[in-house]
Each structure stands twice: as C-alpha cells, then as structure tokens.
Amino acid sequence: MTSVLPTKPADAEPRGSIVCVGLGMTLGSHLSPLARSHIQGAEVVFAALSDAIVELWLEHMHPDVRSLQPYYGDGKNGKSRAVTYREWVEVMMAEVRAGKRVCAVFYGHPGIFAWSPHEVIRLARTEGFRAHMEPGISAEDCLYADLGIDPGRLGCQHYEASQLLFYETPINPGACLVLWQVGLVGDRSMARFSTGPEYRQVLVDVLSRDYPLDHEVIIYRGATLPVEQPRIRHVALRDLPATEVGSDETVVLRPAAPLRANHAVRERLAVLDRGTESPA
C-alpha cells in the first residue's frame, strides 16, 4: 500500500505582511531596537527619506532598500503629492500580495503627517494581511525638548498651517500654537514644494485676529544629523511673510493671553469637595 503524504493546507502558505516604522529625527540615535529588528528581518524595505545620506545609512542595514522618493514630481510637472502617496501604497502592497515581509521606513513617527503608512496598513488589514505601525521619535517630540515646552502646563494645539486658511478653525491664544508645513501654507494643488510671502501674509492676517502683530514667532527645525544643532529663529508675527520658511520647519507661537479662570465650575467643584469632607 502506497502511503500518501498529507498536503499542506492552503492557509498554511506563507503570507505577506507589512510594518511601518519610524526612523526618528536624528540619524542613528533615534532608531529603536524594535524598529531596527523589523528593518533587518524584512525581505523588502521601502524608504520614504529625502536625505541621500540617510538612505545610504539604511542600506548598510539591509541589502534590498527601495527608495520611494523617485515617485515625487519635480514641482514643475504639476504632479500632485496625493498621486505620489497612492503610488507608494500600491508599490508596497504589490510586495505584500506577493507574500513578502515588507518594512516601510519613514522619518520621525510614521503616523504623523504621513498619509501612506496609515492607508497601506488599512488596506493590508482589509485584504487579510498582517500589518502594524511602530512609533518613532517625531519632530514634535524634539520640538518640546529643544524649545522647553511642556504641553501639559498651558496646553498645546497643533494644526497643519493651511487648515487655518481653508476652514474656520478655533485658536486658543492662552495655549501654545504649533503650525506645521508653513512653507507650503495655502497650497491647494499638493503639487508645489513651497509657497511665497503672499501666502504667508494671508496666514498672518488670520493669526492677527488672536495675536498682536509684535507677538514673537519661533521658526524651528530639529537636528537630523548627530553633528547638527537645532535651528531656532525668532521673528515678529508681522515679519513672517518676509521670512523664508522651509517645508521642514515648524512655526510656534507661545501663549498671548493668560488662562482665564472658570469661576462657575470652580465653585461647583468646591461644593463637591465640601460634601466629601469628613465630619469633625
């Protein structure tokens, strides 16, 4: 009698997977051991890194690093970044669907100001693949450390700068205000890599409803190489249009007004406190 070897069930076949990891902001020093292990254990590594030095460093960790940067337009052909980001998702998913262990590496935290990592994880999970995100040290984390800001002290609000122009967005001048991508403020095409002083003037006009024109604005860029120092500039709000702001710089406004006490709620809490006091 001839023995028949059991066939491997279909669901035991190797399946693709993807993990999106954060490289941190400063080369080498911010990469977590867990993120490093995901990079080294992957079959294919995709890199969304604008710095060639960082890409070369990453190539020392893995033999198959594929840059996503060439998918960008050159700013002259009118290619929307939204198209680029969808292309990133498709090229990563092609390897996942082929059964590969994929790792995608992004600057800072992969889930902050990055559409593609969230979308590729959502799509992979929808199709039944394993997918997750590993956090990284973000520009926000570096900003708090370099500027000495504690978001728990007075509060901190974060907005993409164009959001203030496109929508009726409430601002609390009693808390810190952090504005991202001011260098691109007002761009509706998602095809440009910078906008000019006229666009920053519109931003200043909006901010001037809550801040005096002589209010200090901090323009911040964190260090990305170990030999660098953070770049911190101070200008008056009125001078922001005439000041060049890079796409990798963040604008911070410290509070312009003190916190206002809510006396009605304080009294309500005082009544509750008196009710919980032990009798003498």
C-alpha atoms as a PDB file:
ATOM      1  CA  MET A   1       0.000   0.000   0.000  1.00  0.00           C
ATOM      2  CA  THR A   2       1.434   3.315  -1.040  1.00  0.00           C
ATOM      3  CA  SER A   3       1.429   5.996   1.639  1.00  0.00           C
ATOM      4  CA  VAL A   4       0.199   9.437   0.690  1.00  0.00           C
ATOM      5  CA  LEU A   5       1.826  12.451   2.303  1.00  0.00           C
ATOM      6  CA  PRO A   6      -0.693  14.952   3.659  1.00  0.00           C
ATOM      7  CA  THR A   7      -0.946  18.147   1.672  1.00  0.00           C
ATOM      8  CA  LYS A   8      -0.274  21.445   3.374  1.00  0.00           C
ATOM      9  CA  PRO A   9      -3.495  23.370   3.929  1.00  0.00           C
ATOM     10  CA  ALA A  10      -3.872  26.488   1.805  1.00  0.00           C
ATOM     11  CA  ASP A  11      -3.963  28.764   4.827  1.00  0.00           C
ATOM     12  CA  ALA A  12      -0.536  27.494   5.901  1.00  0.00           C
ATOM     13  CA  GLU A  13       1.110  29.073   2.860  1.00  0.00           C
ATOM     14  CA  PRO A  14       3.430  31.966   3.715  1.00  0.00           C
ATOM     15  CA  ARG A  15       1.564  35.251   3.759  1.00  0.00           C
ATOM     16  CA  GLY A  16       2.846  38.742   3.173  1.00  0.00           C
ATOM     17  CA  SER A  17       2.970  41.356   5.903  1.00  0.00           C
ATOM     18  CA  ILE A  18       3.951  44.984   6.378  1.00  0.00           C
ATOM     19  CA  VAL A  19       5.190  47.062   9.271  1.00  0.00           C
ATOM     20  CA  CYS A  20       5.701  50.826   9.076  1.00  0.00           C
ATOM     21  CA  VAL A  21       8.465  52.057  11.364  1.00  0.00           C
ATOM     22  CA  GLY A  22       9.753  55.453  12.410  1.00  0.00           C
ATOM     23  CA  LEU A  23      13.408  56.261  11.919  1.00  0.00           C
ATOM     24  CA  GLY A  24      13.245  59.147  14.369  1.00  0.00           C
ATOM     25  CA  MET A  25      14.610  62.581  13.525  1.00  0.00           C
ATOM     26  CA  THR A  26      18.332  62.353  14.295  1.00  0.00           C
ATOM     27  CA  LEU A  27      20.179  59.773  12.230  1.00  0.00           C
ATOM     28  CA  GLY A  28      21.037  56.606  14.156  1.00  0.00           C
ATOM     29  CA  SER A  29      20.403  57.834  17.672  1.00  0.00           C
ATOM     30  CA  HIS A  30      16.587  57.768  17.494  1.00  0.00           C
ATOM     31  CA  LEU A  31      16.083  54.333  15.931  1.00  0.00           C
ATOM     32  CA  SER A  32      14.573  51.938  18.456  1.00  0.00           C
ATOM     33  CA  PRO A  33      15.844  48.353  18.784  1.00  0.00           C
ATOM     34  CA  LEU A  34      12.407  47.074  17.765  1.00  0.00           C
ATOM     35  CA  ALA A  35      12.309  49.205  14.605  1.00  0.00           C
ATOM     36  CA  ARG A  36      15.830  48.060  13.753  1.00  0.00           C
ATOM     37  CA  SER A  37      14.813  44.411  14.111  1.00  0.00           C
ATOM     38  CA  HIS A  38      11.871  44.932  11.756  1.00  0.00           C
ATOM     39  CA  ILE A  39      14.162  46.502   9.163  1.00  0.00           C
ATOM     40  CA  GLN A  40      16.751  43.747   9.396  1.00  0.00           C
ATOM     41  CA  GLY A  41      14.152  40.967   9.412  1.00  0.00           C
ATOM     42  CA  ALA A  42      12.235  42.191   6.353  1.00  0.00           C
ATOM     43  CA  GLU A  43      12.599  40.766   2.858  1.00  0.00           C
ATOM     44  CA  VAL A  44      11.954  44.138   1.232  1.00  0.00           C
ATOM     45  CA  VAL A  45      12.497  47.600   2.754  1.00  0.00           C
ATOM     46  CA  PHE A  46      10.883  50.726   1.335  1.00  0.00           C
ATOM     47  CA  ALA A  47      12.297  54.103   2.357  1.00  0.00           C
ATOM     48  CA  ALA A  48      10.468  57.437   2.311  1.00  0.00           C
ATOM     49  CA  LEU A  49      13.534  59.519   3.155  1.00  0.00           C
ATOM     50  CA  SER A  50      14.502  62.766   1.451  1.00  0.00           C
ATOM     51  CA  ASP A  51      18.146  62.648   2.566  1.00  0.00           C
ATOM     52  CA  ALA A  52      20.529  60.539   0.455  1.00  0.00           C
ATOM     53  CA  ILE A  53      22.895  60.179   3.430  1.00  0.00           C
ATOM     54  CA  VAL A  54      20.151  58.607   5.497  1.00  0.00           C
ATOM     55  CA  GLU A  55      19.255  56.237   2.669  1.00  0.00           C
ATOM     56  CA  LEU A  56      22.894  55.127   2.392  1.00  0.00           C
ATOM     57  CA  TRP A  57      22.981  54.512   6.132  1.00  0.00           C
ATOM     58  CA  LEU A  58      19.832  52.420   5.837  1.00  0.00           C
ATOM     59  CA  GLU A  59      21.365  50.372   3.010  1.00  0.00           C
ATOM     60  CA  HIS A  60      24.069  49.219   5.434  1.00  0.00           C
ATOM     61  CA  MET A  61      21.311  47.572   7.466  1.00  0.00           C
ATOM     62  CA  HIS A  62      19.540  45.783   4.611  1.00  0.00           C
ATOM     63  CA  PRO A  63      20.543  44.639   1.094  1.00  0.00           C
ATOM     64  CA  ASP A  64      17.205  45.496  -0.557  1.00  0.00           C
ATOM     65  CA  VAL A  65      16.253  49.100   0.228  1.00  0.00           C
ATOM     66  CA  ARG A  66      13.943  50.692  -2.336  1.00  0.00           C
ATOM     67  CA  SER A  67      13.598  54.472  -2.277  1.00  0.00           C
ATOM     68  CA  LEU A  68      10.126  55.964  -2.669  1.00  0.00           C
ATOM     69  CA  GLN A  69      11.481  59.430  -3.456  1.00  0.00           C
ATOM     70  CA  PRO A  70      11.538  58.988  -7.292  1.00  0.00           C
ATOM     71  CA  TYR A  71       7.736  58.831  -7.290  1.00  0.00           C
ATOM     72  CA  TYR A  72       7.577  62.542  -6.452  1.00  0.00           C
ATOM     73  CA  GLY A  73       7.140  65.078  -9.205  1.00  0.00           C
ATOM     74  CA  ASP A  74       9.820  67.719  -9.699  1.00  0.00           C
ATOM     75  CA  GLY A  75       7.498  70.604  -8.841  1.00  0.00           C
ATOM     76  CA  LYS A  76       7.267  71.591 -12.500  1.00  0.00           C
ATOM     77  CA  ASN A  77       5.158  68.820 -13.966  1.00  0.00           C
ATOM     78  CA  GLY A  78       2.180  69.551 -11.702  1.00  0.00           C
ATOM     79  CA  LYS A  79       2.078  66.054 -10.196  1.00  0.00           C
ATOM     80  CA  SER A  80       0.048  66.071  -7.016  1.00  0.00           C
ATOM     81  CA  ARG A  81       1.621  64.582  -3.910  1.00  0.00           C
ATOM     82  CA  ALA A  82      -1.695  62.796  -3.387  1.00  0.00           C
ATOM     83  CA  VAL A  83      -0.968  60.798  -6.558  1.00  0.00           C
ATOM     84  CA  THR A  84       2.547  60.039  -5.303  1.00  0.00           C
ATOM     85  CA  TYR A  85       1.283  58.790  -1.961  1.00  0.00           C
ATOM     86  CA  ARG A  86      -1.237  56.479  -3.638  1.00  0.00           C
ATOM     87  CA  GLU A  87       1.587  55.115  -5.806  1.00  0.00           C
ATOM     88  CA  TRP A  88       3.604  54.419  -2.653  1.00  0.00           C
ATOM     89  CA  VAL A  89       0.731  52.383  -1.247  1.00  0.00           C
ATOM     90  CA  GLU A  90       0.384  50.351  -4.435  1.00  0.00           C
ATOM     91  CA  VAL A  91       4.095  49.565  -4.810  1.00  0.00           C
ATOM     92  CA  MET A  92       4.288  48.443  -1.171  1.00  0.00           C
ATOM     93  CA  MET A  93       1.103  46.381  -1.419  1.00  0.00           C
ATOM     94  CA  ALA A  94       2.412  44.649  -4.548  1.00  0.00           C
ATOM     95  CA  GLU A  95       5.190  43.089  -2.451  1.00  0.00           C
ATOM     96  CA  VAL A  96       2.841  42.256   0.412  1.00  0.00           C
ATOM     97  CA  ARG A  97       0.481  40.499  -2.019  1.00  0.00           C
ATOM     98  CA  ALA A  98       3.471  38.602  -3.393  1.00  0.00           C
ATOM     99  CA  GLY A  99       3.944  37.085   0.063  1.00  0.00           C
ATOM    100  CA  LYS A 100       6.912  39.212   1.172  1.00  0.00           C
ATOM    101  CA  ARG A 101       7.694  40.528   4.632  1.00  0.00           C
ATOM    102  CA  VAL A 102       7.765  44.257   3.971  1.00  0.00           C
ATOM    103  CA  CYS A 103       9.100  47.075   6.154  1.00  0.00           C
ATOM    104  CA  ALA A 104       8.437  50.700   5.260  1.00  0.00           C
ATOM    105  CA  VAL A 105      10.688  53.296   6.877  1.00  0.00           C
ATOM    106  CA  PHE A 106       9.614  56.910   7.399  1.00  0.00           C
ATOM    107  CA  TYR A 107      11.192  59.924   9.067  1.00  0.00           C
ATOM    108  CA  GLY A 108      10.211  60.649  12.630  1.00  0.00           C
ATOM    109  CA  HIS A 109       6.974  58.932  13.588  1.00  0.00           C
ATOM    110  CA  PRO A 110       5.418  57.069  10.635  1.00  0.00           C
ATOM    111  CA  GLY A 111       1.903  58.111  11.597  1.00  0.00           C
ATOM    112  CA  ILE A 112       2.420  61.878  11.873  1.00  0.00           C
ATOM    113  CA  PHE A 113       1.869  63.969   8.738  1.00  0.00           C
ATOM    114  CA  ALA A 114       2.097  60.815   6.676  1.00  0.00           C
ATOM    115  CA  TRP A 115      -0.952  59.507   4.806  1.00  0.00           C
ATOM    116  CA  SER A 116       0.605  56.479   3.122  1.00  0.00           C
ATOM    117  CA  PRO A 117       1.538  54.478   6.259  1.00  0.00           C
ATOM    118  CA  HIS A 118      -2.000  54.689   7.625  1.00  0.00           C
ATOM    119  CA  GLU A 119      -3.502  53.802   4.254  1.00  0.00           C
ATOM    120  CA  VAL A 120      -1.208  50.869   3.481  1.00  0.00           C
ATOM    121  CA  ILE A 121      -1.878  49.391   6.932  1.00  0.00           C
ATOM    122  CA  ARG A 122      -5.632  49.857   6.489  1.00  0.00           C
ATOM    123  CA  LEU A 123      -5.586  48.279   3.027  1.00  0.00           C
ATOM    124  CA  ALA A 124      -3.348  45.376   4.067  1.00  0.00           C
ATOM    125  CA  ARG A 125      -5.604  44.535   7.004  1.00  0.00           C
ATOM    126  CA  THR A 126      -8.688  44.772   4.803  1.00  0.00           C
ATOM    127  CA  GLU A 127      -7.123  42.201   2.476  1.00  0.00           C
ATOM    128  CA  GLY A 128      -6.278  39.882   5.347  1.00  0.00           C
ATOM    129  CA  PHE A 129      -2.553  40.584   5.730  1.00  0.00           C
ATOM    130  CA  ARG A 130      -0.733  41.289   8.975  1.00  0.00           C
ATOM    131  CA  ALA A 131       0.106  44.972   9.296  1.00  0.00           C
ATOM    132  CA  HIS A 132       1.053  47.332  12.089  1.00  0.00           C
ATOM    133  CA  MET A 133       2.915  50.531  12.916  1.00  0.00           C
ATOM    134  CA  GLU A 134       5.872  51.065  15.236  1.00  0.00           C
ATOM    135  CA  PRO A 135       6.189  54.601  16.635  1.00  0.00           C
ATOM    136  CA  GLY A 136       9.255  56.758  16.335  1.00  0.00           C
ATOM    137  CA  ILE A 137      10.585  59.977  17.844  1.00  0.00           C
ATOM    138  CA  SER A 138       8.829  62.745  15.936  1.00  0.00           C
ATOM    139  CA  ALA A 139       9.602  66.371  15.170  1.00  0.00           C
ATOM    140  CA  GLU A 140       7.019  67.223  17.824  1.00  0.00           C
ATOM    141  CA  ASP A 141       8.980  65.326  20.469  1.00  0.00           C
ATOM    142  CA  CYS A 142      12.189  67.145  19.514  1.00  0.00           C
ATOM    143  CA  LEU A 143      10.386  70.481  19.499  1.00  0.00           C
ATOM    144  CA  TYR A 144       9.205  70.055  23.082  1.00  0.00           C
ATOM    145  CA  ALA A 145      12.744  69.245  24.208  1.00  0.00           C
ATOM    146  CA  ASP A 146      14.573  71.927  22.216  1.00  0.00           C
ATOM    147  CA  LEU A 147      12.145  74.774  22.964  1.00  0.00           C
ATOM    148  CA  GLY A 148      11.439  73.796  26.568  1.00  0.00           C
ATOM    149  CA  ILE A 149       7.685  73.446  26.062  1.00  0.00           C
ATOM    150  CA  ASP A 150       5.600  71.286  28.388  1.00  0.00           C
ATOM    151  CA  PRO A 151       2.236  70.713  26.635  1.00  0.00           C
ATOM    152  CA  GLY A 152       0.662  69.776  29.959  1.00  0.00           C
ATOM    153  CA  ARG A 153       1.344  73.149  31.560  1.00  0.00           C
ATOM    154  CA  LEU A 154      -0.716  75.570  29.485  1.00  0.00           C
ATOM    155  CA  GLY A 155      -1.963  73.288  26.721  1.00  0.00           C
ATOM    156  CA  CYS A 156      -0.754  72.928  23.164  1.00  0.00           C
ATOM    157  CA  GLN A 157      -2.688  72.995  19.886  1.00  0.00           C
ATOM    158  CA  HIS A 158      -1.319  71.617  16.625  1.00  0.00           C
ATOM    159  CA  TYR A 159      -2.569  72.451  13.145  1.00  0.00           C
ATOM    160  CA  GLU A 160      -1.353  71.997   9.616  1.00  0.00           C
ATOM    161  CA  ALA A 161      -0.976  75.666   8.634  1.00  0.00           C
ATOM    162  CA  SER A 162      -3.289  75.519   5.632  1.00  0.00           C
ATOM    163  CA  GLN A 163      -6.088  74.245   7.858  1.00  0.00           C
ATOM    164  CA  LEU A 164      -6.304  77.730   9.366  1.00  0.00           C
ATOM    165  CA  LEU A 165      -6.917  79.149   5.879  1.00  0.00           C
ATOM    166  CA  PHE A 166      -9.235  76.500   4.473  1.00  0.00           C
ATOM    167  CA  TYR A 167     -11.512  76.090   7.498  1.00  0.00           C
ATOM    168  CA  GLU A 168     -12.994  78.065  10.369  1.00  0.00           C
ATOM    169  CA  THR A 169     -10.508  76.726  12.897  1.00  0.00           C
ATOM    170  CA  PRO A 170     -10.723  77.877  16.540  1.00  0.00           C
ATOM    171  CA  ILE A 171      -7.499  79.108  18.153  1.00  0.00           C
ATOM    172  CA  ASN A 172      -6.908  79.365  21.894  1.00  0.00           C
ATOM    173  CA  PRO A 173      -4.371  82.183  22.406  1.00  0.00           C
ATOM    174  CA  GLY A 174      -3.925  81.026  26.011  1.00  0.00           C
ATOM    175  CA  ALA A 175      -2.168  77.843  24.846  1.00  0.00           C
ATOM    176  CA  CYS A 176       0.870  77.201  22.660  1.00  0.00           C
ATOM    177  CA  LEU A 177       0.141  77.087  18.943  1.00  0.00           C
ATOM    178  CA  VAL A 178       2.232  74.807  16.715  1.00  0.00           C
ATOM    179  CA  LEU A 179       1.847  75.216  12.951  1.00  0.00           C
ATOM    180  CA  TRP A 180       3.183  72.565  10.605  1.00  0.00           C
ATOM    181  CA  GLN A 181       4.209  72.999   6.971  1.00  0.00           C
ATOM    182  CA  VAL A 182       4.038  76.796   6.954  1.00  0.00           C
ATOM    183  CA  GLY A 183       6.401  76.728   3.967  1.00  0.00           C
ATOM    184  CA  LEU A 184       3.526  75.195   1.987  1.00  0.00           C
ATOM    185  CA  VAL A 185       0.714  77.238   3.516  1.00  0.00           C
ATOM    186  CA  GLY A 186      -2.192  77.864   1.192  1.00  0.00           C
ATOM    187  CA  ASP A 187      -1.191  75.303  -1.441  1.00  0.00           C
ATOM    188  CA  ARG A 188      -4.354  73.660  -2.734  1.00  0.00           C
ATOM    189  CA  SER A 189      -2.722  71.750  -5.585  1.00  0.00           C
ATOM    190  CA  MET A 190      -0.498  69.466  -3.487  1.00  0.00           C
ATOM    191  CA  ALA A 191       1.965  69.837  -6.368  1.00  0.00           C
ATOM    192  CA  ARG A 192       4.173  72.659  -5.099  1.00  0.00           C
ATOM    193  CA  PHE A 193       7.056  72.367  -2.663  1.00  0.00           C
ATOM    194  CA  SER A 194       6.775  75.943  -1.363  1.00  0.00           C
ATOM    195  CA  THR A 195       4.513  78.978  -1.456  1.00  0.00           C
ATOM    196  CA  GLY A 196       5.553  82.615  -1.376  1.00  0.00           C
ATOM    197  CA  PRO A 197       5.304  85.568   1.008  1.00  0.00           C
ATOM    198  CA  GLU A 198       1.817  86.472  -0.236  1.00  0.00           C
ATOM    199  CA  TYR A 199       0.522  83.177   1.116  1.00  0.00           C
ATOM    200  CA  ARG A 200       2.247  83.688   4.464  1.00  0.00           C
ATOM    201  CA  GLN A 201       0.644  87.138   4.619  1.00  0.00           C
ATOM    202  CA  VAL A 202      -2.774  85.508   4.420  1.00  0.00           C
ATOM    203  CA  LEU A 203      -1.741  83.299   7.347  1.00  0.00           C
ATOM    204  CA  VAL A 204      -0.587  86.341   9.328  1.00  0.00           C
ATOM    205  CA  ASP A 205      -3.883  88.095   8.641  1.00  0.00           C
ATOM    206  CA  VAL A 206      -5.735  85.103  10.079  1.00  0.00           C
ATOM    207  CA  LEU A 207      -3.451  84.829  13.112  1.00  0.00           C
ATOM    208  CA  SER A 208      -3.680  88.571  13.813  1.00  0.00           C
ATOM    209  CA  ARG A 209      -7.281  88.051  14.929  1.00  0.00           C
ATOM    210  CA  ASP A 210      -5.905  86.353  18.049  1.00  0.00           C
ATOM    211  CA  TYR A 211      -2.301  87.608  18.323  1.00  0.00           C
ATOM    212  CA  PRO A 212      -0.762  91.104  18.215  1.00  0.00           C
ATOM    213  CA  LEU A 213       1.498  91.717  15.224  1.00  0.00           C
ATOM    214  CA  ASP A 214       4.513  92.161  17.502  1.00  0.00           C
ATOM    215  CA  HIS A 215       3.964  88.718  19.072  1.00  0.00           C
ATOM    216  CA  GLU A 216       7.061  86.522  18.854  1.00  0.00           C
ATOM    217  CA  VAL A 217       7.062  83.686  16.344  1.00  0.00           C
ATOM    218  CA  ILE A 218       9.572  80.836  16.677  1.00  0.00           C
ATOM    219  CA  ILE A 219      10.687  79.097  13.479  1.00  0.00           C
ATOM    220  CA  TYR A 220      12.069  75.680  14.388  1.00  0.00           C
ATOM    221  CA  ARG A 221      13.891  72.879  12.605  1.00  0.00           C
ATOM    222  CA  GLY A 222      15.140  69.875  14.562  1.00  0.00           C
ATOM    223  CA  ALA A 223      18.549  68.317  14.012  1.00  0.00           C
ATOM    224  CA  THR A 224      18.600  65.375  11.601  1.00  0.00           C
ATOM    225  CA  LEU A 225      22.310  64.542  11.799  1.00  0.00           C
ATOM    226  CA  PRO A 226      24.287  63.927  15.023  1.00  0.00           C
ATOM    227  CA  VAL A 227      26.694  66.750  14.128  1.00  0.00           C
ATOM    228  CA  GLU A 228      23.865  69.292  13.751  1.00  0.00           C
ATOM    229  CA  GLN A 229      22.189  71.597  16.224  1.00  0.00           C
ATOM    230  CA  PRO A 230      18.501  72.522  16.028  1.00  0.00           C
ATOM    231  CA  ARG A 231      17.820  75.685  14.052  1.00  0.00           C
ATOM    232  CA  ILE A 232      15.762  78.196  16.045  1.00  0.00           C
ATOM    233  CA  ARG A 233      14.842  81.656  14.749  1.00  0.00           C
ATOM    234  CA  HIS A 234      12.725  84.372  16.350  1.00  0.00           C
ATOM    235  CA  VAL A 235      10.733  86.945  14.371  1.00  0.00           C
ATOM    236  CA  ALA A 236       7.738  89.161  14.995  1.00  0.00           C
ATOM    237  CA  LEU A 237       4.443  87.932  13.575  1.00  0.00           C
ATOM    238  CA  ARG A 238       4.301  90.903  11.179  1.00  0.00           C
ATOM    239  CA  ASP A 239       7.675  89.854   9.724  1.00  0.00           C
ATOM    240  CA  LEU A 240       6.699  86.262   8.964  1.00  0.00           C
ATOM    241  CA  PRO A 241       5.735  86.942   5.306  1.00  0.00           C
ATOM    242  CA  ALA A 242       9.198  88.363   4.556  1.00  0.00           C
ATOM    243  CA  THR A 243      10.944  85.444   6.294  1.00  0.00           C
ATOM    244  CA  GLU A 244      11.751  82.328   4.292  1.00  0.00           C
ATOM    245  CA  VAL A 245      10.292  79.228   5.916  1.00  0.00           C
ATOM    246  CA  GLY A 246      11.342  75.802   4.678  1.00  0.00           C
ATOM    247  CA  SER A 247       8.977  72.879   4.255  1.00  0.00           C
ATOM    248  CA  ASP A 248      10.886  71.116   7.060  1.00  0.00           C
ATOM    249  CA  GLU A 249      10.449  73.998   9.539  1.00  0.00           C
ATOM    250  CA  THR A 250       7.719  74.398  12.133  1.00  0.00           C
ATOM    251  CA  VAL A 251       6.268  77.658  13.444  1.00  0.00           C
ATOM    252  CA  VAL A 252       5.457  78.050  17.139  1.00  0.00           C
ATOM    253  CA  LEU A 253       3.571  80.839  18.914  1.00  0.00           C
ATOM    254  CA  ARG A 254       3.710  80.870  22.688  1.00  0.00           C
ATOM    255  CA  PRO A 255       0.566  81.962  24.579  1.00  0.00           C
ATOM    256  CA  ALA A 256      -0.530  85.544  24.044  1.00  0.00           C
ATOM    257  CA  ALA A 257      -3.066  85.628  26.890  1.00  0.00           C
ATOM    258  CA  PRO A 258      -3.271  84.187  30.399  1.00  0.00           C
ATOM    259  CA  LEU A 259      -5.558  81.318  31.240  1.00  0.00           C
ATOM    260  CA  ARG A 260      -8.989  82.560  32.304  1.00  0.00           C
ATOM    261  CA  ALA A 261     -10.447  81.072  35.466  1.00  0.00           C
ATOM    262  CA  ASN A 262     -13.845  79.382  35.162  1.00  0.00           C
ATOM    263  CA  HIS A 263     -15.335  80.574  38.423  1.00  0.00           C
ATOM    264  CA  ALA A 264     -18.684  78.796  37.980  1.00  0.00           C
ATOM    265  CA  VAL A 265     -17.077  75.386  37.565  1.00  0.00           C
ATOM    266  CA  ARG A 266     -14.594  76.066  40.373  1.00  0.00           C
ATOM    267  CA  GLU A 267     -17.477  76.807  42.737  1.00  0.00           C
ATOM    268  CA  ARG A 268     -19.262  73.627  41.655  1.00  0.00           C
ATOM    269  CA  LEU A 269     -16.141  71.606  42.420  1.00  0.00           C
ATOM    270  CA  ALA A 270     -15.793  73.383  45.780  1.00  0.00           C
ATOM    271  CA  VAL A 271     -19.307  72.248  46.698  1.00  0.00           C
ATOM    272  CA  LEU A 272     -18.371  68.666  45.797  1.00  0.00           C
ATOM    273  CA  ASP A 273     -15.217  68.939  47.903  1.00  0.00           C
ATOM    274  CA  ARG A 274     -17.167  70.170  50.908  1.00  0.00           C
ATOM    275  CA  GLY A 275     -19.545  67.231  50.546  1.00  0.00           C
ATOM    276  CA  THR A 276     -16.686  64.736  50.737  1.00  0.00           C
ATOM    277  CA  GLU A 277     -15.058  66.288  53.807  1.00  0.00           C
ATOM    278  CA  SER A 278     -15.145  64.072  56.882  1.00  0.00           C
ATOM    279  CA  PRO A 279     -17.236  65.451  59.754  1.00  0.00           C
ATOM    280  CA  ALA A 280     -15.233  66.756  62.681  1.00  0.00           C
END
